[in-house]
Protein backbone atom coordinates (compact mmCIF):
# COMPACT_ATOMS: atom_id res chain seq x y z
CA MET A 1 41.00 27.32 6.12
CA ARG A 2 43.07 24.89 8.16
CA GLU A 3 43.91 21.43 6.85
CA GLU A 4 42.00 19.90 9.75
CA GLU A 5 38.86 21.82 8.80
CA MET A 6 39.30 20.89 5.14
CA LYS A 7 39.49 17.22 6.03
CA LYS A 8 36.42 17.51 8.23
CA ILE A 9 34.45 19.18 5.43
CA LEU A 10 35.32 16.32 3.08
CA GLU A 11 34.24 13.79 5.70
CA VAL A 12 31.00 15.69 6.19
CA GLY A 13 30.41 15.67 2.43
CA VAL A 14 30.77 11.89 2.31
CA LEU A 15 28.52 11.50 5.33
CA LEU A 16 25.77 13.72 3.94
CA SER A 17 25.83 12.16 0.48
CA SER A 18 25.13 8.73 1.94
CA GLU A 19 22.11 9.74 4.04
CA ARG A 20 18.63 9.35 2.55
CA ASP A 21 16.39 9.88 5.57
CA ILE A 22 15.48 13.58 5.64
CA HIS A 23 15.18 13.79 9.44
CA GLN A 24 18.52 12.10 10.09
CA LEU A 25 20.07 14.22 7.36
CA LEU A 26 18.97 17.48 8.98
CA GLU A 27 20.20 16.22 12.34
CA GLN A 28 23.60 15.36 10.89
CA ILE A 29 23.90 18.71 9.13
CA LEU A 30 23.38 20.70 12.32
CA SER A 31 25.62 18.41 14.38
CA CYS A 32 28.42 18.66 11.81
CA VAL A 33 28.40 22.45 11.53
CA MET A 34 28.21 22.87 15.30
CA GLU A 35 31.24 20.63 15.66
CA LEU A 36 33.14 22.51 12.97
CA ALA A 37 32.25 25.90 14.45
CA HIS A 38 32.77 24.70 18.03
CA CYS A 39 29.61 26.41 19.24
CA ASP A 40 27.13 25.81 22.02
CA ALA A 41 23.79 25.94 20.22
CA GLY A 42 22.27 25.90 16.79
CA THR A 43 19.06 25.84 14.78
CA LEU A 44 18.29 24.56 11.31
CA TYR A 45 15.36 26.14 9.47
CA LEU A 46 13.76 25.07 6.20
CA LEU A 47 11.89 27.45 3.95
CA ASP A 48 8.17 26.71 3.69
CA GLY A 49 6.35 29.23 1.54
CA ASP A 50 6.83 32.64 3.13
CA VAL A 51 8.13 31.42 6.50
CA LEU A 52 11.16 29.63 7.91
CA ARG A 53 10.15 26.62 9.97
CA PHE A 54 12.21 25.27 12.86
CA LYS A 55 13.38 21.73 12.02
CA ILE A 56 16.24 20.97 14.42
CA MET A 57 17.19 22.82 17.63
CA ARG A 58 20.10 21.97 19.89
CA ASN A 59 21.49 23.67 22.97
CA ASP A 60 24.32 21.91 24.80
CA THR A 61 24.35 24.20 27.84
CA LEU A 62 20.65 23.68 28.48
CA GLY A 63 20.85 20.02 27.45
CA THR A 64 17.93 20.45 25.06
CA TYR A 65 17.40 18.91 21.68
CA SER A 66 14.30 18.75 19.53
CA GLY A 67 13.33 17.88 15.97
CA GLY A 68 15.47 14.80 15.50
CA ASP A 69 12.43 12.53 15.77
CA GLY A 70 10.87 14.11 12.70
CA LYS A 71 8.51 16.30 14.74
CA ASP A 72 9.18 20.01 14.34
CA PRO A 73 10.15 21.95 17.50
CA LYS A 74 7.16 23.73 19.02
CA MET A 75 8.25 27.19 17.92
CA ASP A 76 6.42 29.76 15.85
CA PRO A 77 7.80 30.00 12.30
CA VAL A 78 9.94 33.00 11.36
CA PRO A 79 8.30 35.27 8.74
CA MET A 80 10.40 36.00 5.66
CA GLU A 81 10.82 39.65 6.60
CA ARG A 82 14.03 41.65 6.40
CA GLY A 83 13.96 42.55 10.08
CA ASN A 84 14.55 38.90 11.00
CA VAL A 85 18.23 38.08 10.74
CA CYS A 86 17.58 34.50 9.56
CA ALA A 87 15.16 35.66 6.88
CA LEU A 88 17.48 38.47 5.76
CA ALA A 89 20.40 36.07 5.32
CA LEU A 90 18.30 33.91 2.99
CA LEU A 91 16.65 36.82 1.18
CA GLU A 92 19.99 38.45 0.38
CA ASP A 93 21.92 35.17 0.13
CA ARG A 94 24.67 36.33 2.48
CA THR A 95 26.20 35.10 5.68
CA ILE A 96 25.64 37.30 8.72
CA CYS A 97 28.10 37.16 11.61
CA ILE A 98 27.26 39.01 14.83
CA GLU A 99 29.74 39.34 17.68
CA ASP A 100 27.20 40.30 20.37
CA VAL A 101 23.45 40.28 19.73
CA LYS A 102 22.88 42.26 22.93
CA ALA A 103 24.80 45.20 21.49
CA ASP A 104 23.60 44.90 17.89
CA THR A 105 20.67 47.08 16.80
CA GLY A 106 20.58 46.21 13.10
CA TYR A 107 18.24 43.22 13.41
CA ASP A 108 15.22 42.02 15.31
CA PHE A 109 16.47 39.80 18.12
CA SER A 110 13.19 39.69 20.01
CA GLY A 111 12.95 35.95 19.39
CA PRO A 112 16.32 35.10 21.00
CA ALA A 113 15.51 37.58 23.80
CA ARG A 114 12.24 35.79 24.59
CA TYR A 115 14.06 32.45 24.48
CA ASP A 116 16.73 33.72 26.88
CA GLN A 117 14.13 35.15 29.27
CA LYS A 118 12.19 31.89 29.28
CA THR A 119 15.16 29.53 29.66
CA GLY A 120 17.80 31.63 31.40
CA TYR A 121 20.15 31.22 28.45
CA ASP A 122 22.50 34.01 27.36
CA THR A 123 22.66 34.40 23.59
CA ARG A 124 25.72 36.37 22.49
CA SER A 125 27.56 35.54 19.27
CA MET A 126 25.69 34.36 16.19
CA LEU A 127 26.55 33.06 12.73
CA VAL A 128 23.70 32.83 10.21
CA VAL A 129 24.35 30.99 6.94
CA PRO A 130 21.81 30.65 4.10
CA MET A 131 21.38 27.35 2.26
CA GLN A 132 20.74 27.43 -1.49
CA ASN A 133 21.17 24.74 -4.13
CA ARG A 134 23.20 25.09 -7.34
CA SER A 135 20.28 26.62 -9.22
CA GLY A 136 19.84 29.31 -6.59
CA GLU A 137 16.71 27.82 -5.07
CA LYS A 138 16.37 28.84 -1.44
CA ILE A 139 16.37 25.84 0.92
CA GLY A 140 16.81 27.08 4.47
CA VAL A 141 19.12 28.62 7.06
CA LEU A 142 21.73 27.43 9.55
CA GLN A 143 21.93 29.55 12.67
CA LEU A 144 24.81 28.92 15.07
CA ILE A 145 24.90 30.49 18.52
CA ASN A 146 27.67 31.19 21.03
CA ALA A 147 31.03 30.14 19.66
CA LEU A 148 33.31 28.68 22.35
CA ASP A 149 37.05 29.23 22.84
CA ASP A 150 39.54 26.63 24.03
CA LYS A 151 38.36 27.16 27.60
CA SER A 152 34.69 26.75 26.61
CA LYS A 153 34.00 30.44 27.14
CA VAL A 154 31.60 32.23 24.80
CA CYS A 155 33.42 34.26 22.16
CA ALA A 156 32.90 35.64 18.67
CA PHE A 157 32.99 33.30 15.70
CA ALA A 158 36.40 33.18 14.02
CA PRO A 159 36.61 35.32 10.83
CA ASP A 160 37.26 32.34 8.58
CA MET A 161 34.53 30.17 10.18
CA ALA A 162 31.91 31.65 7.86
CA LEU A 163 33.68 30.13 4.85
CA VAL A 164 33.85 26.73 6.55
CA VAL A 165 30.15 26.70 7.42
CA GLU A 166 29.21 28.08 4.00
CA SER A 167 31.01 25.15 2.38
CA VAL A 168 29.03 22.65 4.44
CA ALA A 169 25.79 24.60 3.94
CA SER A 170 26.26 24.44 0.17
CA GLN A 171 26.72 20.66 0.27
CA ALA A 172 23.82 20.34 2.70
CA ALA A 173 21.46 22.32 0.47
CA ILE A 174 22.21 20.12 -2.52
CA THR A 175 21.81 16.96 -0.46
CA ILE A 176 18.52 18.16 1.06
CA GLN A 177 17.21 18.92 -2.42
CA ASN A 178 18.29 15.51 -3.72
CA VAL A 179 16.66 13.73 -0.78
CA ARG A 180 13.51 15.73 -1.42
CA TYR A 181 13.57 14.74 -5.08
CA ILE A 182 13.94 11.08 -4.13
CA ARG A 183 11.13 11.42 -1.59
CA ASP A 184 8.88 13.16 -4.11
CA ILE A 185 9.55 10.50 -6.74
CA LYS A 186 8.81 7.76 -4.21
CA GLU A 187 5.62 9.49 -3.13
CA LEU A 188 4.59 9.86 -6.76
CA PHE A 189 5.24 6.17 -7.39
CA HIS A 190 3.40 5.19 -4.20
CA SER A 191 0.47 7.36 -5.26
CA PHE A 192 0.45 5.57 -8.61
CA VAL A 193 0.44 2.20 -6.86
CA GLN A 194 -2.40 3.31 -4.57
CA VAL A 195 -4.42 4.54 -7.55
CA MET A 196 -3.85 1.31 -9.48
CA SER A 197 -4.75 -0.77 -6.44
CA ALA A 198 -7.92 1.27 -5.88
CA ALA A 199 -8.79 0.94 -9.58
CA ILE A 200 -8.55 -2.83 -9.30
CA ASP A 201 -10.70 -2.98 -6.18
CA GLU A 202 -13.27 -0.45 -7.37
CA ARG A 203 -13.61 -1.94 -10.85
CA THR A 204 -16.12 -4.31 -9.35
CA PRO A 205 -18.23 -4.07 -6.18
CA TYR A 206 -17.31 -7.69 -5.51
CA ASN A 207 -13.63 -6.94 -4.91
CA ALA A 208 -13.92 -3.68 -2.99
CA SER A 209 -10.99 -2.85 -0.67
CA HIS A 210 -9.47 -6.34 -0.98
CA ALA A 211 -5.88 -5.17 -1.49
CA ARG A 212 -6.21 -2.41 1.11
CA HIS A 213 -7.51 -4.86 3.71
CA MET A 214 -4.67 -7.23 2.92
CA ALA A 215 -2.07 -4.45 3.20
CA GLU A 216 -3.41 -3.25 6.55
CA CYS A 217 -3.55 -6.77 7.92
CA GLY A 218 -0.15 -7.61 6.39
CA SER A 219 1.50 -4.57 7.95
CA ARG A 220 0.34 -5.60 11.41
CA PHE A 221 1.32 -9.22 10.80
CA ILE A 222 4.85 -8.27 9.70
CA ASP A 223 5.24 -6.16 12.85
CA TYR A 224 4.01 -9.11 14.90
CA LEU A 225 6.49 -11.49 13.26
CA GLY A 226 9.31 -9.09 14.11
CA SER A 227 8.32 -9.19 17.76
CA VAL A 228 7.97 -12.94 18.37
CA GLY A 229 11.71 -13.59 18.51
CA ASP A 230 12.22 -16.33 15.92
CA ARG A 231 12.01 -13.94 12.96
CA THR A 232 14.31 -11.09 12.00
CA PRO A 233 12.29 -7.86 11.81
CA LEU A 234 12.04 -6.38 8.34
CA THR A 235 13.75 -3.09 7.63
CA PRO A 236 11.47 -0.19 6.55
CA ASP A 237 12.58 -0.74 2.93
CA GLN A 238 11.80 -4.47 3.10
CA LYS A 239 8.39 -3.81 4.62
CA GLU A 240 7.68 -1.25 1.91
CA GLU A 241 8.57 -3.80 -0.76
CA PHE A 242 6.30 -6.40 0.86
CA LEU A 243 3.32 -4.04 1.13
CA MET A 244 3.74 -2.81 -2.43
CA SER A 245 3.64 -6.44 -3.61
CA ILE A 246 0.29 -6.81 -1.84
CA LEU A 247 -1.13 -3.64 -3.36
CA LEU A 248 -0.17 -4.78 -6.87
CA HIS A 249 -0.88 -8.50 -6.55
CA ASP A 250 -4.22 -8.31 -8.39
CA ILE A 251 -3.30 -5.74 -11.03
CA GLY A 252 -3.88 -8.42 -13.68
CA LYS A 253 -7.61 -8.28 -12.87
CA LEU A 254 -7.75 -5.02 -14.80
CA VAL A 255 -8.17 -7.12 -17.94
CA THR A 256 -10.34 -9.90 -16.48
CA PRO A 257 -13.84 -9.72 -18.05
CA LEU A 258 -16.29 -8.08 -15.67
CA GLU A 259 -18.95 -10.67 -16.46
CA VAL A 260 -16.60 -13.24 -14.96
CA MET A 261 -15.47 -11.16 -11.96
CA ASN A 262 -19.04 -10.12 -11.16
CA LYS A 263 -20.59 -13.53 -11.70
CA ALA A 264 -22.77 -13.94 -8.64
CA ARG A 265 -24.67 -16.97 -10.01
CA ARG A 266 -23.93 -19.89 -12.28
CA LEU A 267 -26.00 -18.75 -15.25
CA LEU A 268 -24.96 -15.72 -17.25
CA PRO A 269 -27.69 -13.04 -17.44
CA THR A 270 -28.42 -13.95 -21.05
CA GLN A 271 -28.69 -17.63 -20.16
CA LYS A 272 -30.97 -16.91 -17.22
CA ALA A 273 -33.24 -14.84 -19.43
CA ALA A 274 -33.26 -17.57 -22.10
CA VAL A 275 -34.25 -20.27 -19.59
CA ALA A 276 -37.01 -18.08 -18.15
CA HIS A 277 -38.34 -17.32 -21.64
CA ARG A 278 -38.24 -21.00 -22.62
CA LEU A 279 -40.10 -22.17 -19.51
CA GLU A 280 -42.71 -19.46 -20.05
CA THR A 281 -43.05 -20.66 -23.66
CA ILE A 282 -43.61 -24.24 -22.46
CA ARG A 283 -46.24 -23.00 -19.97
CA LEU A 284 -48.11 -21.04 -22.66
CA LEU A 285 -47.92 -23.93 -25.12
CA ALA A 286 -49.54 -26.17 -22.52
CA LYS A 287 -52.48 -23.73 -22.25
CA ILE A 288 -52.78 -23.47 -26.05
CA HIS A 289 -52.70 -27.24 -26.44
CA ARG A 290 -55.42 -27.63 -23.84
CA LEU A 291 -57.59 -24.99 -25.59
CA GLU A 292 -57.04 -26.77 -28.89
CA GLY A 293 -58.10 -30.04 -27.28
CA ARG A 294 -54.73 -31.66 -27.85
CA ILE A 295 -54.33 -32.33 -24.11
CA THR A 296 -56.75 -32.60 -21.21
CA GLU A 297 -57.05 -30.13 -18.37
CA ALA A 298 -55.28 -32.65 -16.15
CA GLY A 299 -52.52 -32.88 -18.74
CA GLU A 300 -52.22 -29.10 -18.73
CA GLN A 301 -51.99 -28.97 -14.94
CA GLU A 302 -49.31 -31.64 -14.96
CA GLN A 303 -47.32 -29.69 -17.55
CA LEU A 304 -47.62 -26.49 -15.49
CA ARG A 305 -46.51 -28.36 -12.38
CA GLN A 306 -43.42 -29.63 -14.20
CA VAL A 307 -42.63 -26.13 -15.48
CA GLU A 308 -42.83 -24.74 -11.94
CA GLU A 309 -40.62 -27.55 -10.62
CA ALA A 310 -38.11 -26.85 -13.37
CA ARG A 311 -38.16 -23.13 -12.56
CA GLU A 312 -37.57 -23.80 -8.87
CA LEU A 313 -34.78 -26.28 -9.64
CA VAL A 314 -33.00 -23.83 -11.95
CA GLN A 315 -33.35 -21.02 -9.44
CA LYS A 316 -32.09 -23.18 -6.58
CA ALA A 317 -29.10 -24.59 -8.53
CA ASP A 318 -28.25 -21.17 -9.94
CA GLY A 319 -27.66 -19.66 -6.50
CA ALA A 320 -26.53 -22.71 -4.51
CA GLY A 321 -23.20 -22.64 -2.73
CA PHE A 322 -22.83 -26.31 -3.61
CA VAL A 323 -24.78 -28.48 -6.08
CA THR A 324 -25.81 -31.66 -4.26
CA ASP A 325 -26.05 -35.09 -5.87
CA GLU A 326 -29.85 -34.79 -5.75
CA MET A 327 -29.81 -31.45 -7.61
CA TYR A 328 -27.23 -32.76 -10.06
CA LYS A 329 -29.44 -35.77 -10.87
CA ALA A 330 -32.52 -33.56 -11.28
CA LEU A 331 -30.64 -31.23 -13.62
CA GLU A 332 -29.53 -34.21 -15.67
CA GLY A 333 -33.16 -35.29 -15.99
CA LEU A 334 -34.20 -31.78 -17.02
CA ARG A 335 -31.48 -31.72 -19.68
CA LYS A 336 -32.99 -34.82 -21.29
CA ARG A 337 -36.48 -33.34 -21.52
CA TYR A 338 -37.74 -31.89 -24.81
CA TYR A 339 -40.85 -29.99 -25.86
CA THR A 340 -42.31 -29.45 -29.34
CA GLY A 341 -42.05 -25.84 -30.41
CA GLU A 342 -44.39 -23.89 -32.68
CA ASP A 343 -42.10 -24.86 -35.54
CA GLY A 344 -42.96 -28.52 -34.93
CA ARG A 345 -39.39 -29.34 -33.96
CA PRO A 346 -38.17 -30.72 -30.58
CA HIS A 347 -36.33 -28.30 -28.28
CA PRO A 348 -34.53 -29.05 -24.97
CA TRP A 349 -35.79 -27.63 -21.70
CA LEU A 350 -32.13 -26.91 -20.89
CA THR A 351 -29.37 -26.41 -23.46
CA GLU A 352 -26.05 -28.17 -23.02
CA ASP A 353 -24.34 -24.90 -22.01
CA GLU A 354 -27.05 -24.05 -19.49
CA HIS A 355 -26.90 -27.52 -18.01
CA ALA A 356 -23.10 -27.35 -17.79
CA MET A 357 -23.27 -24.03 -15.92
CA LEU A 358 -25.98 -25.14 -13.49
CA SER A 359 -24.12 -28.38 -12.78
CA ILE A 360 -20.95 -26.64 -11.54
CA ARG A 361 -20.51 -28.35 -8.23
CA LYS A 362 -18.90 -25.50 -6.23
CA GLY A 363 -18.77 -21.79 -6.93
CA THR A 364 -20.24 -20.04 -9.93
CA LEU A 365 -17.45 -20.27 -12.50
CA SER A 366 -17.13 -22.75 -15.32
CA GLN A 367 -13.77 -24.29 -16.12
CA GLU A 368 -13.17 -21.71 -18.85
CA GLU A 369 -14.24 -18.83 -16.62
CA ARG A 370 -11.99 -20.10 -13.84
CA ARG A 371 -9.13 -20.21 -16.34
CA GLN A 372 -9.85 -16.58 -17.19
CA MET A 373 -9.78 -15.67 -13.50
CA GLU A 374 -6.57 -17.60 -12.84
CA GLU A 375 -4.94 -15.93 -15.81
CA HIS A 376 -4.81 -12.66 -13.85
CA VAL A 377 -1.57 -13.70 -12.14
CA GLU A 378 0.17 -14.12 -15.50
CA VAL A 379 -1.20 -10.76 -16.60
CA THR A 380 0.08 -9.30 -13.33
CA ASP A 381 3.55 -10.61 -14.15
CA ARG A 382 3.43 -9.18 -17.68
CA LEU A 383 2.18 -5.77 -16.56
CA LEU A 384 4.72 -5.45 -13.75
CA SER A 385 7.51 -6.49 -16.13
CA GLN A 386 6.96 -3.12 -17.84
CA ILE A 387 7.84 -1.22 -14.64
CA HIS A 388 11.47 -0.61 -13.71
CA PHE A 389 11.55 -1.30 -9.98
CA PRO A 390 14.62 0.06 -8.14
CA GLY A 391 16.82 -2.27 -6.13
CA ASP A 392 14.90 -1.93 -2.87
CA LEU A 393 11.69 -2.93 -4.69
CA SER A 394 13.23 -5.55 -6.95
CA HIS A 395 11.07 -8.43 -5.63
CA VAL A 396 7.69 -6.75 -6.11
CA ARG A 397 6.99 -8.33 -9.48
CA GLN A 398 8.03 -11.83 -8.38
CA TRP A 399 6.11 -11.75 -5.11
CA ALA A 400 2.95 -10.19 -6.56
CA ALA A 401 2.74 -12.68 -9.43
CA ALA A 402 3.23 -15.74 -7.21
CA HIS A 403 0.48 -15.22 -4.63
CA HIS A 404 -1.51 -18.25 -5.83
CA GLU A 405 1.41 -20.68 -5.57
CA LEU A 406 1.06 -23.37 -2.88
CA LEU A 407 3.78 -25.31 -1.07
CA ASN A 408 2.63 -28.70 -2.38
CA GLY A 409 2.83 -27.54 -6.01
CA SER A 410 -0.93 -27.45 -6.57
CA GLY A 411 -1.00 -23.69 -7.03
CA TYR A 412 -0.57 -21.68 -10.20
CA PRO A 413 0.70 -20.46 -12.60
CA LYS A 414 4.14 -22.10 -12.25
CA HIS A 415 3.24 -24.83 -9.73
CA LEU A 416 6.16 -23.86 -7.49
CA LYS A 417 6.95 -26.07 -4.51
CA GLY A 418 8.51 -25.76 -1.07
CA GLU A 419 11.66 -23.66 -0.98
CA GLU A 420 10.88 -22.25 -4.41
CA ILE A 421 8.31 -20.05 -2.68
CA PRO A 422 9.79 -17.15 -0.62
CA ASP A 423 8.46 -16.35 2.85
CA ALA A 424 6.98 -13.08 1.58
CA VAL A 425 4.87 -14.96 -0.98
CA ARG A 426 3.78 -17.51 1.62
CA ILE A 427 2.52 -14.67 3.80
CA ILE A 428 0.73 -12.91 0.93
CA THR A 429 -0.99 -16.19 0.05
CA ILE A 430 -2.25 -16.62 3.62
CA LEU A 431 -3.50 -13.03 3.66
CA ASP A 432 -5.21 -13.44 0.28
CA ILE A 433 -6.99 -16.67 1.20
CA PHE A 434 -8.10 -15.35 4.58
CA ASP A 435 -9.49 -12.09 3.20
CA SER A 436 -11.28 -13.97 0.42
CA LEU A 437 -12.90 -16.31 2.94
CA VAL A 438 -14.14 -13.65 5.34
CA ALA A 439 -15.03 -11.00 2.73
CA ASP A 440 -18.70 -10.10 2.63
CA ASP A 441 -18.60 -8.64 -0.90
CA ARG A 442 -17.93 -11.73 -3.00
CA PRO A 443 -20.58 -12.69 -5.61
CA TYR A 444 -20.21 -16.43 -5.26
CA LYS A 445 -20.36 -16.94 -1.50
CA ARG A 446 -21.43 -15.52 1.83
CA ALA A 447 -18.92 -14.12 4.31
CA MET A 448 -17.41 -16.89 6.38
CA PRO A 449 -17.03 -16.57 10.17
CA VAL A 450 -13.44 -15.80 11.15
CA GLU A 451 -12.97 -18.93 13.23
CA LYS A 452 -14.15 -21.16 10.38
CA ALA A 453 -11.76 -19.37 7.99
CA LEU A 454 -8.89 -19.93 10.43
CA SER A 455 -9.83 -23.61 10.64
CA ILE A 456 -9.61 -23.85 6.84
CA LEU A 457 -6.17 -22.18 6.87
CA LYS A 458 -5.02 -24.61 9.53
CA THR A 459 -6.23 -27.58 7.51
CA MET A 460 -4.52 -26.27 4.38
CA ALA A 461 -1.27 -25.91 6.33
CA GLU A 462 -1.20 -28.98 8.56
CA GLU A 463 -3.11 -31.60 6.57
CA GLU A 464 -2.95 -30.58 2.91
CA GLY A 465 0.57 -29.12 2.90
CA LYS A 466 -0.50 -26.07 0.89
CA LEU A 467 0.45 -23.33 3.37
CA ASP A 468 3.44 -22.75 5.63
CA PRO A 469 2.49 -24.30 9.02
CA ALA A 470 4.67 -21.98 11.13
CA LEU A 471 3.54 -18.81 9.36
CA THR A 472 -0.08 -19.94 9.51
CA ALA A 473 0.23 -20.56 13.25
CA HIS A 474 1.77 -17.12 13.74
CA PHE A 475 -0.99 -15.57 11.63
CA ILE A 476 -3.69 -17.16 13.75
CA ALA A 477 -1.92 -16.13 16.97
CA SER A 478 -1.41 -12.54 15.79
CA ARG A 479 -5.14 -11.69 15.36
CA CYS A 480 -3.80 -9.06 12.96
CA TRP A 481 -7.13 -8.77 11.13
CA GLU A 482 -8.64 -7.18 14.24
CA GLY A 483 -6.72 -3.94 13.79
């Protein structure tokens, strides 16, 4: 092996060890061995079950190249049968060098013959090198065609060229296997993230597909930002980190009580049942008192009217989007009313807890329940702290746990302000608020029309200083929620 070839092999080794994209790696492998062997054409196959699949094909004379874009060449796979020279090389783990395929009868060259007939090419010399990793696992095959002499005439492959290509093939096999391992680990981790995200969304019917919707919308928005000119497009790794942050942003809701997450009305089911039972008791007592002569029929009717009014008020306040001053005042009056029970003691029409729940001005959650809901971001931070994120995903925990922070410091849990909040978090916050506003599966509100939701985002950005004005404007312009 010449010193020049040795140096080139070392350079190839460095080049291959630094590549992590499987398609670019395969492309580089074939290009490197073709350069080393000084040949006109070549094919790289990878083993897939009981066939060899074409991955990269290159023919300099015909000016053809396929497979580098990640799409396999449109060629039928080669069965792992001994009559096929590529398959035999891998089956027996030996390099096969053929001076002239037209004169050789030891192998099935019907495939190259059909290729030549179809394209007008003239396949002559061939070097077939198997690729196996250190543990002997079969990876694929390198097939080089038509070695060229100094005058670019087709000739046989040099006797020592097999050793040169074998050296590269060995390195290539190990690198391919390592890249596959990395890919498999990433896919496993991504599957875990998808499962966890789905578990969060499916834990309650009132949060279904929230993270998935945000991720789909966020992916389109990031692509839009990269196209408008005033933003540097994210690399694939950066986009992956951003989307993973979205998928995990609500992981803390795994420990949020379901009775809080699913609270469609102000009263808890037990409270609602207690109020209904109490009002029915008051109604029955009125009838009993009238039968006993303790009140008149008119007095009974008045009592029944008041019970019905109270029932309607409770029902209306329980499901109202907003408790008006009029309802609030009526609830306060109901709280002060008492009836005499069968035990002879006074009892309130509404307990303090029931009154407090029904008097919640907006939404269905009490202050304590809202605290429990808001706590999910701190739980998210604690849960994600248990995961070792690699360098290209190092911001996932920080971004996911900060999606309720607002630029004016009114967010939570850390009340971050301004430049303390990264762009990625600002975007996630916009996505989260928008999806929450337009979602039609929330227990405490109806779905909001898109244009009204956008108006709210604009107000939060331009008047209240809570959201990034530029990013909000881009979000509105992108229409990324439309798919």
